[in-house]
Amino acid sequence: MNQDTFTPIIEDDALLMQYITKWLLELGMKPNLKGFIYLKEAIYLHSDIIYTNKRFNYIYTVIAYKYCVSAKNVERSIHTSIEAVWNSNTLNRSHKLFESAYINADYPLSNTVFIATMSEVIKLTFNKQKYHCL
């Protein structure tokens, strides 16, 4: 099989990770936080996993295995990163993410809601941008 057939998938994955990073930075999240890396991975994995009730436990476990830490450590680091950006003055509360009717920018989001919302918004905008449908 030709090796070139796999190239677009790898390029799309790299572009998607760059796009996720761009969105997190636009929100005001600081990349020096450990949870920033875990959050990028979680958003990326969330878009690839078919819905199950224990999806987030699986995501935390996969990330923990990759970085040789516990799943609880991954969950806590992500939560700390979300809280840090929420409580700081760097959060861009006029961002596209908060245009959703079910997001209230006044209260910190749980890991689950933040990851799921970011994943859905990024998938929609990434696909539009990728196919030049803006």
Protein backbone atom coordinates (compact mmCIF):
# COMPACT_ATOMS: atom_id res chain seq x y z
CA MET A 1 0.00 0.00 0.00
CA ASN A 2 1.21 3.48 -0.84
CA GLN A 3 2.54 5.42 2.13
CA ASP A 4 1.03 8.66 0.76
CA THR A 5 -2.48 7.43 1.57
CA PHE A 6 -1.76 7.87 5.29
CA THR A 7 -0.23 11.34 5.05
CA PRO A 8 -3.47 13.40 5.06
CA ILE A 9 -4.66 11.71 8.25
CA ILE A 10 -1.43 12.55 10.04
CA GLU A 11 -1.51 16.12 8.71
CA ASP A 12 -5.14 16.51 9.79
CA ASP A 13 -4.30 15.29 13.28
CA ALA A 14 -1.42 17.73 13.59
CA LEU A 15 -3.57 20.57 12.27
CA LEU A 16 -6.36 19.68 14.69
CA MET A 17 -3.93 19.73 17.64
CA GLN A 18 -2.64 23.14 16.49
CA TYR A 19 -6.23 24.36 16.19
CA ILE A 20 -7.06 23.13 19.71
CA THR A 21 -3.95 24.88 21.04
CA LYS A 22 -4.96 28.09 19.29
CA TRP A 23 -8.42 27.99 20.86
CA LEU A 24 -7.11 27.35 24.35
CA LEU A 25 -4.64 30.21 24.01
CA GLU A 26 -7.43 32.48 22.71
CA LEU A 27 -9.42 31.68 25.84
CA GLY A 28 -6.47 32.88 27.90
CA MET A 29 -5.20 29.54 29.20
CA LYS A 30 -1.53 29.53 30.04
CA PRO A 31 0.52 26.83 28.28
CA ASN A 32 2.92 26.48 31.21
CA LEU A 33 0.24 24.66 33.26
CA LYS A 34 0.52 20.88 33.25
CA GLY A 35 -3.22 20.62 32.69
CA PHE A 36 -2.91 22.53 29.41
CA ILE A 37 -1.22 19.56 27.75
CA TYR A 38 -3.66 17.09 29.29
CA LEU A 39 -6.60 19.26 28.23
CA LYS A 40 -5.40 19.38 24.63
CA GLU A 41 -5.15 15.60 24.59
CA ALA A 42 -8.57 15.19 26.25
CA ILE A 43 -10.31 17.46 23.73
CA TYR A 44 -8.61 15.64 20.88
CA LEU A 45 -9.50 12.19 22.24
CA HIS A 46 -13.07 13.24 23.02
CA SER A 47 -13.68 13.94 19.35
CA ASP A 48 -12.56 10.41 18.41
CA ILE A 49 -14.37 8.29 21.00
CA ILE A 50 -17.86 6.90 20.44
CA TYR A 51 -20.22 7.86 23.25
CA THR A 52 -20.14 5.65 26.33
CA ASN A 53 -21.05 6.42 29.92
CA LYS A 54 -17.47 6.09 31.13
CA ARG A 55 -15.90 8.05 28.29
CA PHE A 56 -14.07 10.54 30.50
CA ASN A 57 -12.62 7.89 32.78
CA TYR A 58 -11.27 6.23 29.65
CA ILE A 59 -9.82 9.52 28.36
CA TYR A 60 -8.12 10.25 31.68
CA THR A 61 -6.70 6.72 31.75
CA VAL A 62 -5.31 6.97 28.21
CA ILE A 63 -3.66 10.33 28.95
CA ALA A 64 -2.32 9.05 32.28
CA TYR A 65 -0.77 6.04 30.58
CA LYS A 66 0.84 8.26 27.93
CA TYR A 67 2.42 10.61 30.50
CA CYS A 68 3.12 7.96 33.20
CA VAL A 69 0.90 9.54 35.86
CA SER A 70 -2.35 8.50 37.54
CA ALA A 71 -5.75 9.18 36.00
CA LYS A 72 -6.71 11.15 39.12
CA ASN A 73 -3.66 13.36 38.60
CA VAL A 74 -4.75 14.06 35.00
CA GLU A 75 -8.29 14.90 36.11
CA ARG A 76 -7.07 17.21 38.86
CA SER A 77 -4.56 18.99 36.60
CA ILE A 78 -7.25 19.64 34.00
CA HIS A 79 -9.60 20.93 36.68
CA THR A 80 -6.90 23.19 38.09
CA SER A 81 -6.16 24.62 34.63
CA ILE A 82 -9.83 25.34 33.97
CA GLU A 83 -10.21 26.97 37.39
CA ALA A 84 -7.02 29.00 36.93
CA VAL A 85 -8.16 30.50 33.66
CA TRP A 86 -11.70 31.00 34.97
CA ASN A 87 -10.58 32.86 38.08
CA SER A 88 -7.98 34.98 36.30
CA ASN A 89 -8.64 38.14 34.36
CA THR A 90 -7.22 36.56 31.21
CA LEU A 91 -10.38 34.63 30.35
CA ASN A 92 -11.86 35.96 27.14
CA ARG A 93 -15.56 35.79 28.09
CA SER A 94 -16.63 37.12 24.69
CA HIS A 95 -15.10 34.08 22.95
CA LYS A 96 -17.17 32.03 20.49
CA LEU A 97 -17.30 29.21 23.03
CA PHE A 98 -19.63 31.25 25.25
CA GLU A 99 -22.14 31.92 22.47
CA SER A 100 -23.73 28.58 23.33
CA ALA A 101 -27.00 28.95 25.20
CA TYR A 102 -26.11 26.32 27.79
CA ILE A 103 -22.81 27.90 28.84
CA ASN A 104 -22.94 30.47 31.62
CA ALA A 105 -19.66 32.39 31.68
CA ASP A 106 -20.18 33.40 35.31
CA TYR A 107 -19.51 29.97 36.84
CA PRO A 108 -16.57 27.62 36.29
CA LEU A 109 -17.37 24.63 34.13
CA SER A 110 -16.76 21.04 35.12
CA ASN A 111 -14.10 19.11 33.23
CA THR A 112 -16.76 17.11 31.42
CA VAL A 113 -18.73 20.13 30.20
CA PHE A 114 -15.61 22.09 29.23
CA ILE A 115 -14.04 19.22 27.28
CA ALA A 116 -17.28 18.20 25.57
CA THR A 117 -18.18 21.77 24.59
CA MET A 118 -14.68 22.59 23.35
CA SER A 119 -14.58 19.35 21.39
CA GLU A 120 -17.90 19.99 19.66
CA VAL A 121 -17.19 23.65 18.85
CA ILE A 122 -13.70 22.88 17.60
CA LYS A 123 -14.88 19.98 15.45
CA LEU A 124 -17.53 22.16 13.82
CA THR A 125 -15.27 25.13 13.18
CA PHE A 126 -12.28 23.00 12.19
CA ASN A 127 -14.31 21.14 9.55
CA LYS A 128 -15.74 24.40 8.21
CA GLN A 129 -12.29 25.93 8.01
CA LYS A 130 -10.79 22.80 6.52
CA TYR A 131 -13.35 22.71 3.71
CA HIS A 132 -13.43 26.51 3.35
CA CYS A 133 -17.12 26.75 4.21
CA LEU A 134 -16.80 29.87 6.36
